[in-house]
Amino acid sequence: MEPLSTFLTTALSYILKGAAQSKAAKTAKEKLLGSFWRWIRPFFIKDLPETEEKPEAPETVTKAHEKLLELIRDEDFFNELVKRVDELQKAGIKEKNIVKGGIKRVKKIEIGDREFLPTDNFDRKNIVEGGIEDAGEIIIGDGH
């Protein structure tokens, strides 16, 4: 398995994406993501109703991450989460190189891989979800 921090980032991404998805799933991937959200929703919605209301807000991402860290202390929950995230990854719902939050005061930042592989297929890739402020140089994308 990948490092825990990477896994948690991936799991959190699916949680927030599931919260943001329409209830009318149109594809098999969306149905699988909807199923994931229906399973995990009860763990989040009572303490964090903003997970459904504003899933992409930076404060929601932070609170959801903290909640996920709390939840994975339960071994049964963690094992089920690993199984379900693995199903989502195998279904082809892939995300890579996503910066949650903003970037401030950096001299140089490169987001993306140095090599571009046309066989790579991601639903979301090389994204900065927050704002960028006071950056000397930013390179986003593959093959740089």
N, C-alpha and C. Protein backbone atom coordinates (compact mmCIF):
# COMPACT_ATOMS: atom_id res chain seq x y z
N MET A 1 0.85 -1.18 0.00
CA MET A 1 0.00 0.00 0.00
C MET A 1 0.89 1.23 0.00
N GLU A 2 0.39 2.30 -0.57
CA GLU A 2 1.10 3.58 -0.62
C GLU A 2 1.27 4.13 0.80
N PRO A 3 2.10 5.14 0.99
CA PRO A 3 2.26 5.75 2.31
C PRO A 3 0.91 6.22 2.85
N LEU A 4 0.75 6.17 4.17
CA LEU A 4 -0.51 6.51 4.81
C LEU A 4 -0.96 7.92 4.46
N SER A 5 -0.04 8.87 4.44
CA SER A 5 -0.43 10.25 4.12
C SER A 5 -1.00 10.36 2.71
N THR A 6 -0.40 9.65 1.76
CA THR A 6 -0.90 9.65 0.39
C THR A 6 -2.27 8.98 0.32
N PHE A 7 -2.40 7.85 1.02
CA PHE A 7 -3.68 7.15 1.05
C PHE A 7 -4.77 8.03 1.64
N LEU A 8 -4.48 8.73 2.73
CA LEU A 8 -5.48 9.57 3.37
C LEU A 8 -5.89 10.73 2.47
N THR A 9 -4.93 11.30 1.75
CA THR A 9 -5.25 12.36 0.80
C THR A 9 -6.19 11.84 -0.28
N THR A 10 -5.91 10.64 -0.77
CA THR A 10 -6.76 10.02 -1.79
C THR A 10 -8.15 9.75 -1.23
N ALA A 11 -8.21 9.17 -0.02
CA ALA A 11 -9.50 8.86 0.60
C ALA A 11 -10.31 10.14 0.81
N LEU A 12 -9.66 11.17 1.31
CA LEU A 12 -10.35 12.44 1.55
C LEU A 12 -10.88 13.02 0.25
N SER A 13 -10.12 12.89 -0.80
CA SER A 13 -10.55 13.38 -2.10
C SER A 13 -11.84 12.68 -2.53
N TYR A 14 -11.91 11.36 -2.34
CA TYR A 14 -13.12 10.62 -2.69
C TYR A 14 -14.28 11.02 -1.80
N ILE A 15 -14.02 11.26 -0.52
CA ILE A 15 -15.08 11.66 0.40
C ILE A 15 -15.69 12.97 -0.07
N LEU A 16 -14.85 13.95 -0.33
CA LEU A 16 -15.35 15.26 -0.73
C LEU A 16 -15.97 15.25 -2.12
N LYS A 17 -15.40 14.44 -3.01
CA LYS A 17 -15.98 14.33 -4.35
C LYS A 17 -17.35 13.64 -4.27
N GLY A 18 -17.44 12.62 -3.42
CA GLY A 18 -18.72 11.93 -3.23
C GLY A 18 -19.78 12.86 -2.68
N ALA A 19 -19.38 13.73 -1.76
CA ALA A 19 -20.31 14.69 -1.17
C ALA A 19 -20.80 15.68 -2.22
N ALA A 20 -19.96 16.01 -3.17
CA ALA A 20 -20.30 17.02 -4.17
C ALA A 20 -21.08 16.45 -5.36
N GLN A 21 -21.07 15.13 -5.51
CA GLN A 21 -21.71 14.52 -6.68
C GLN A 21 -23.22 14.67 -6.64
N SER A 22 -23.79 14.73 -7.80
CA SER A 22 -25.25 14.74 -7.94
C SER A 22 -25.80 13.40 -7.48
N LYS A 23 -27.02 13.41 -6.99
CA LYS A 23 -27.65 12.16 -6.55
C LYS A 23 -28.05 11.29 -7.74
N ALA A 24 -28.14 11.87 -8.91
CA ALA A 24 -28.50 11.11 -10.11
C ALA A 24 -27.23 10.67 -10.81
N ALA A 25 -26.73 9.51 -10.42
CA ALA A 25 -25.49 9.00 -11.01
C ALA A 25 -25.74 8.57 -12.45
N LYS A 26 -24.83 8.97 -13.35
CA LYS A 26 -25.02 8.69 -14.77
C LYS A 26 -24.09 7.61 -15.29
N THR A 27 -22.99 7.32 -14.60
CA THR A 27 -22.05 6.32 -15.08
C THR A 27 -21.73 5.34 -13.97
N ALA A 28 -21.07 4.26 -14.34
CA ALA A 28 -20.68 3.26 -13.34
C ALA A 28 -19.74 3.86 -12.31
N LYS A 29 -18.83 4.72 -12.75
CA LYS A 29 -17.91 5.36 -11.81
C LYS A 29 -18.67 6.21 -10.81
N GLU A 30 -19.62 6.98 -11.30
CA GLU A 30 -20.41 7.84 -10.41
C GLU A 30 -21.23 7.00 -9.44
N LYS A 31 -21.77 5.86 -9.90
CA LYS A 31 -22.53 4.98 -9.02
C LYS A 31 -21.63 4.42 -7.93
N LEU A 32 -20.43 4.02 -8.29
CA LEU A 32 -19.49 3.49 -7.31
C LEU A 32 -19.12 4.58 -6.31
N LEU A 33 -18.88 5.79 -6.79
CA LEU A 33 -18.56 6.90 -5.90
C LEU A 33 -19.77 7.23 -5.02
N GLY A 34 -20.96 7.16 -5.58
CA GLY A 34 -22.18 7.38 -4.79
C GLY A 34 -22.34 6.34 -3.69
N SER A 35 -22.03 5.10 -4.01
CA SER A 35 -22.07 4.03 -3.02
C SER A 35 -21.07 4.27 -1.90
N PHE A 36 -19.89 4.73 -2.27
CA PHE A 36 -18.86 5.07 -1.29
C PHE A 36 -19.37 6.18 -0.38
N TRP A 37 -19.98 7.21 -0.96
CA TRP A 37 -20.47 8.33 -0.16
C TRP A 37 -21.59 7.89 0.78
N ARG A 38 -22.50 7.03 0.30
CA ARG A 38 -23.58 6.55 1.17
C ARG A 38 -23.02 5.78 2.36
N TRP A 39 -21.93 5.05 2.16
CA TRP A 39 -21.30 4.31 3.26
C TRP A 39 -20.64 5.26 4.25
N ILE A 40 -19.90 6.23 3.75
CA ILE A 40 -19.09 7.06 4.64
C ILE A 40 -19.84 8.28 5.18
N ARG A 41 -20.92 8.67 4.52
CA ARG A 41 -21.67 9.86 4.91
C ARG A 41 -22.03 9.89 6.40
N PRO A 42 -22.58 8.82 6.97
CA PRO A 42 -22.97 8.87 8.39
C PRO A 42 -21.80 9.18 9.34
N PHE A 43 -20.60 8.85 8.94
CA PHE A 43 -19.44 9.13 9.78
C PHE A 43 -19.10 10.63 9.80
N PHE A 44 -19.53 11.36 8.78
CA PHE A 44 -19.16 12.76 8.64
C PHE A 44 -20.31 13.74 8.90
N ILE A 45 -21.50 13.40 8.45
CA ILE A 45 -22.57 14.38 8.33
C ILE A 45 -23.05 14.94 9.67
N LYS A 46 -23.04 14.14 10.72
CA LYS A 46 -23.51 14.64 12.01
C LYS A 46 -22.59 15.74 12.55
N ASP A 47 -21.30 15.48 12.56
CA ASP A 47 -20.33 16.44 13.09
C ASP A 47 -19.96 17.52 12.07
N LEU A 48 -20.03 17.19 10.79
CA LEU A 48 -19.60 18.12 9.74
C LEU A 48 -20.64 18.24 8.63
N PRO A 49 -21.79 18.87 8.91
CA PRO A 49 -22.79 19.00 7.84
C PRO A 49 -22.27 19.79 6.66
N GLU A 50 -21.25 20.63 6.87
CA GLU A 50 -20.68 21.40 5.77
C GLU A 50 -19.99 20.51 4.73
N THR A 51 -19.77 19.23 5.07
CA THR A 51 -19.18 18.31 4.11
C THR A 51 -20.07 18.20 2.87
N GLU A 52 -21.38 18.21 3.07
CA GLU A 52 -22.31 18.18 1.94
C GLU A 52 -22.62 19.57 1.41
N GLU A 53 -22.66 20.53 2.29
CA GLU A 53 -23.06 21.88 1.90
C GLU A 53 -21.96 22.60 1.13
N LYS A 54 -20.72 22.48 1.58
CA LYS A 54 -19.59 23.18 0.94
C LYS A 54 -18.37 22.26 0.91
N PRO A 55 -18.43 21.15 0.14
CA PRO A 55 -17.34 20.17 0.18
C PRO A 55 -15.99 20.68 -0.32
N GLU A 56 -15.99 21.73 -1.12
CA GLU A 56 -14.72 22.21 -1.68
C GLU A 56 -14.15 23.41 -0.92
N ALA A 57 -14.86 23.88 0.10
CA ALA A 57 -14.37 25.02 0.87
C ALA A 57 -13.12 24.60 1.67
N PRO A 58 -12.08 25.43 1.70
CA PRO A 58 -10.84 25.07 2.40
C PRO A 58 -11.05 24.65 3.85
N GLU A 59 -11.96 25.32 4.56
CA GLU A 59 -12.20 24.95 5.96
C GLU A 59 -12.88 23.59 6.07
N THR A 60 -13.72 23.23 5.09
CA THR A 60 -14.36 21.92 5.08
C THR A 60 -13.32 20.84 4.84
N VAL A 61 -12.41 21.09 3.92
CA VAL A 61 -11.34 20.13 3.63
C VAL A 61 -10.52 19.88 4.88
N THR A 62 -10.17 20.94 5.59
CA THR A 62 -9.37 20.81 6.82
C THR A 62 -10.12 20.02 7.88
N LYS A 63 -11.38 20.36 8.12
CA LYS A 63 -12.17 19.65 9.14
C LYS A 63 -12.40 18.19 8.76
N ALA A 64 -12.65 17.94 7.47
CA ALA A 64 -12.87 16.57 7.02
C ALA A 64 -11.60 15.75 7.17
N HIS A 65 -10.46 16.35 6.90
CA HIS A 65 -9.18 15.66 7.08
C HIS A 65 -8.98 15.29 8.55
N GLU A 66 -9.26 16.21 9.45
CA GLU A 66 -9.14 15.94 10.89
C GLU A 66 -10.08 14.82 11.31
N LYS A 67 -11.31 14.84 10.78
CA LYS A 67 -12.29 13.79 11.10
C LYS A 67 -11.81 12.44 10.58
N LEU A 68 -11.25 12.42 9.39
CA LEU A 68 -10.74 11.18 8.82
C LEU A 68 -9.60 10.62 9.68
N LEU A 69 -8.71 11.48 10.14
CA LEU A 69 -7.62 11.04 11.01
C LEU A 69 -8.17 10.42 12.30
N GLU A 70 -9.24 10.98 12.80
CA GLU A 70 -9.89 10.44 13.99
C GLU A 70 -10.52 9.07 13.70
N LEU A 71 -11.21 8.96 12.56
CA LEU A 71 -11.92 7.74 12.21
C LEU A 71 -10.99 6.55 11.95
N ILE A 72 -9.84 6.81 11.37
CA ILE A 72 -8.97 5.67 11.01
C ILE A 72 -8.31 5.03 12.22
N ARG A 73 -8.50 5.60 13.37
CA ARG A 73 -8.00 4.94 14.60
C ARG A 73 -8.72 3.63 14.85
N ASP A 74 -9.95 3.53 14.34
CA ASP A 74 -10.73 2.30 14.44
C ASP A 74 -10.26 1.36 13.33
N GLU A 75 -9.69 0.24 13.71
CA GLU A 75 -9.09 -0.68 12.75
C GLU A 75 -10.11 -1.21 11.74
N ASP A 76 -11.33 -1.52 12.21
CA ASP A 76 -12.36 -2.03 11.29
C ASP A 76 -12.73 -0.97 10.25
N PHE A 77 -12.89 0.28 10.71
CA PHE A 77 -13.18 1.37 9.78
C PHE A 77 -12.04 1.51 8.77
N PHE A 78 -10.82 1.54 9.25
CA PHE A 78 -9.67 1.72 8.37
C PHE A 78 -9.60 0.61 7.32
N ASN A 79 -9.80 -0.65 7.73
CA ASN A 79 -9.75 -1.76 6.78
C ASN A 79 -10.85 -1.64 5.72
N GLU A 80 -12.04 -1.23 6.13
CA GLU A 80 -13.13 -1.03 5.16
C GLU A 80 -12.83 0.14 4.23
N LEU A 81 -12.26 1.19 4.76
CA LEU A 81 -11.88 2.35 3.95
C LEU A 81 -10.84 1.95 2.90
N VAL A 82 -9.84 1.19 3.30
CA VAL A 82 -8.82 0.71 2.36
C VAL A 82 -9.47 -0.09 1.24
N LYS A 83 -10.38 -0.99 1.60
CA LYS A 83 -11.06 -1.81 0.60
C LYS A 83 -11.86 -0.95 -0.38
N ARG A 84 -12.59 0.00 0.13
CA ARG A 84 -13.45 0.83 -0.72
C ARG A 84 -12.64 1.80 -1.59
N VAL A 85 -11.59 2.37 -1.05
CA VAL A 85 -10.74 3.26 -1.86
C VAL A 85 -10.06 2.45 -2.96
N ASP A 86 -9.64 1.24 -2.64
CA ASP A 86 -9.03 0.36 -3.65
C ASP A 86 -10.03 0.09 -4.78
N GLU A 87 -11.30 -0.15 -4.43
CA GLU A 87 -12.33 -0.36 -5.46
C GLU A 87 -12.47 0.87 -6.36
N LEU A 88 -12.46 2.05 -5.75
CA LEU A 88 -12.57 3.28 -6.53
C LEU A 88 -11.37 3.46 -7.46
N GLN A 89 -10.19 3.17 -6.95
CA GLN A 89 -8.99 3.30 -7.78
C GLN A 89 -9.02 2.30 -8.93
N LYS A 90 -9.45 1.08 -8.66
CA LYS A 90 -9.53 0.07 -9.72
C LYS A 90 -10.59 0.41 -10.75
N ALA A 91 -11.61 1.14 -10.33
CA ALA A 91 -12.68 1.54 -11.26
C ALA A 91 -12.23 2.65 -12.19
N GLY A 92 -11.05 3.16 -11.94
CA GLY A 92 -10.53 4.19 -12.83
C GLY A 92 -10.81 5.60 -12.38
N ILE A 93 -11.28 5.79 -11.17
CA ILE A 93 -11.47 7.14 -10.66
C ILE A 93 -10.15 7.54 -10.05
N LYS A 94 -9.39 8.29 -10.82
CA LYS A 94 -8.02 8.59 -10.41
C LYS A 94 -7.80 10.09 -10.29
N GLU A 95 -7.04 10.44 -9.28
CA GLU A 95 -6.64 11.83 -9.08
C GLU A 95 -5.15 11.84 -8.79
N LYS A 96 -4.49 12.92 -9.23
CA LYS A 96 -3.05 13.00 -9.02
C LYS A 96 -2.61 14.45 -9.00
N ASN A 97 -1.66 14.75 -8.14
CA ASN A 97 -1.04 16.08 -8.07
C ASN A 97 -2.06 17.19 -7.85
N ILE A 98 -2.86 17.05 -6.79
CA ILE A 98 -3.86 18.05 -6.47
C ILE A 98 -3.45 18.75 -5.18
N VAL A 99 -3.34 20.06 -5.26
CA VAL A 99 -3.00 20.87 -4.09
C VAL A 99 -4.30 21.38 -3.48
N LYS A 100 -4.60 20.94 -2.29
CA LYS A 100 -5.79 21.41 -1.58
C LYS A 100 -5.39 22.70 -0.88
N GLY A 101 -6.12 23.74 -1.08
CA GLY A 101 -5.79 25.01 -0.45
C GLY A 101 -4.93 25.85 -1.37
N GLY A 102 -4.49 26.97 -0.85
CA GLY A 102 -3.75 27.92 -1.66
C GLY A 102 -2.24 27.78 -1.55
N ILE A 103 -1.57 28.51 -2.42
CA ILE A 103 -0.11 28.57 -2.43
C ILE A 103 0.27 30.03 -2.26
N LYS A 104 1.11 30.29 -1.28
CA LYS A 104 1.51 31.67 -1.00
C LYS A 104 3.02 31.77 -0.91
N ARG A 105 3.53 32.86 -1.41
CA ARG A 105 4.92 33.26 -1.30
C ARG A 105 5.92 32.12 -1.54
N VAL A 106 5.95 31.67 -2.77
CA VAL A 106 6.95 30.68 -3.16
C VAL A 106 7.76 31.24 -4.31
N LYS A 107 9.00 30.86 -4.36
CA LYS A 107 9.87 31.31 -5.45
C LYS A 107 9.66 30.46 -6.70
N LYS A 108 9.45 29.15 -6.51
CA LYS A 108 9.26 28.29 -7.67
C LYS A 108 8.46 27.06 -7.21
N ILE A 109 7.49 26.66 -8.00
CA ILE A 109 6.74 25.44 -7.69
C ILE A 109 6.45 24.73 -9.00
N GLU A 110 6.60 23.43 -9.00
CA GLU A 110 6.29 22.61 -10.17
C GLU A 110 5.28 21.57 -9.74
N ILE A 111 4.15 21.53 -10.41
CA ILE A 111 3.11 20.56 -10.11
C ILE A 111 2.98 19.66 -11.32
N GLY A 112 3.08 18.39 -11.12
CA GLY A 112 3.01 17.43 -12.22
C GLY A 112 4.29 16.64 -12.33
N ASP A 113 4.25 15.64 -13.13
CA ASP A 113 5.41 14.77 -13.30
C ASP A 113 6.35 15.32 -14.36
N ARG A 114 7.60 14.96 -14.26
CA ARG A 114 8.57 15.40 -15.26
C ARG A 114 8.35 14.70 -16.59
N GLU A 115 7.81 13.50 -16.54
CA GLU A 115 7.55 12.76 -17.78
C GLU A 115 6.05 12.73 -18.05
N PHE A 116 5.69 12.95 -19.27
CA PHE A 116 4.30 12.83 -19.68
C PHE A 116 4.11 11.45 -20.29
N LEU A 117 3.17 10.71 -19.76
CA LEU A 117 2.87 9.39 -20.30
C LEU A 117 1.46 9.42 -20.88
N PRO A 118 1.32 9.30 -22.18
CA PRO A 118 -0.01 9.37 -22.78
C PRO A 118 -0.93 8.25 -22.32
N THR A 119 -0.37 7.18 -21.72
CA THR A 119 -1.20 6.08 -21.23
C THR A 119 -1.82 6.40 -19.88
N ASP A 120 -1.32 7.43 -19.19
CA ASP A 120 -1.89 7.82 -17.91
C ASP A 120 -3.27 8.42 -18.14
N ASN A 121 -4.21 8.01 -17.30
CA ASN A 121 -5.57 8.52 -17.42
C ASN A 121 -6.06 8.90 -16.03
N PHE A 122 -6.30 10.18 -15.82
CA PHE A 122 -6.76 10.68 -14.54
C PHE A 122 -8.01 11.52 -14.75
N ASP A 123 -8.93 11.44 -13.78
CA ASP A 123 -10.13 12.27 -13.85
C ASP A 123 -9.80 13.72 -13.49
N ARG A 124 -8.88 13.90 -12.56
CA ARG A 124 -8.44 15.24 -12.16
C ARG A 124 -6.95 15.16 -11.92
N LYS A 125 -6.22 16.11 -12.48
CA LYS A 125 -4.77 16.03 -12.40
C LYS A 125 -4.17 17.43 -12.48
N ASN A 126 -3.08 17.66 -11.72
CA ASN A 126 -2.32 18.91 -11.77
C ASN A 126 -3.20 20.12 -11.49
N ILE A 127 -3.79 20.15 -10.31
CA ILE A 127 -4.75 21.18 -9.96
C ILE A 127 -4.33 21.87 -8.66
N VAL A 128 -4.46 23.19 -8.64
CA VAL A 128 -4.34 23.97 -7.42
C VAL A 128 -5.75 24.46 -7.13
N GLU A 129 -6.37 23.95 -6.06
CA GLU A 129 -7.76 24.28 -5.79
C GLU A 129 -7.91 25.63 -5.09
N GLY A 130 -6.89 26.09 -4.43
CA GLY A 130 -6.95 27.39 -3.79
C GLY A 130 -6.31 28.44 -4.67
N GLY A 131 -6.17 29.63 -4.15
CA GLY A 131 -5.55 30.70 -4.91
C GLY A 131 -4.04 30.62 -4.88
N ILE A 132 -3.41 31.37 -5.75
CA ILE A 132 -1.95 31.46 -5.81
C ILE A 132 -1.61 32.93 -5.61
N GLU A 133 -0.76 33.21 -4.61
CA GLU A 133 -0.39 34.58 -4.30
C GLU A 133 1.12 34.72 -4.21
N ASP A 134 1.63 35.79 -4.76
CA ASP A 134 3.03 36.16 -4.60
C ASP A 134 3.99 35.01 -4.93
N ALA A 135 3.79 34.43 -6.11
CA ALA A 135 4.64 33.32 -6.53
C ALA A 135 5.61 33.78 -7.61
N GLY A 136 6.88 33.44 -7.44
CA GLY A 136 7.88 33.83 -8.41
C GLY A 136 7.76 33.08 -9.72
N GLU A 137 7.49 31.80 -9.66
CA GLU A 137 7.36 30.99 -10.87
C GLU A 137 6.50 29.79 -10.54
N ILE A 138 5.58 29.44 -11.42
CA ILE A 138 4.72 28.28 -11.24
C ILE A 138 4.68 27.54 -12.56
N ILE A 139 4.86 26.24 -12.49
CA ILE A 139 4.76 25.39 -13.68
C ILE A 139 3.75 24.31 -13.34
N ILE A 140 2.65 24.24 -14.07
CA ILE A 140 1.63 23.23 -13.81
C ILE A 140 1.49 22.38 -15.05
N GLY A 141 1.55 21.08 -14.87
CA GLY A 141 1.39 20.16 -15.99
C GLY A 141 2.53 19.19 -16.05
N ASP A 142 2.41 18.26 -16.96
CA ASP A 142 3.42 17.22 -17.10
C ASP A 142 4.43 17.57 -18.18
N GLY A 143 5.56 16.92 -18.09
CA GLY A 143 6.57 17.06 -19.12
C GLY A 143 7.39 18.33 -19.00
N HIS A 144 7.52 18.88 -17.80
CA HIS A 144 8.32 20.11 -17.64
C HIS A 144 9.70 19.79 -17.12
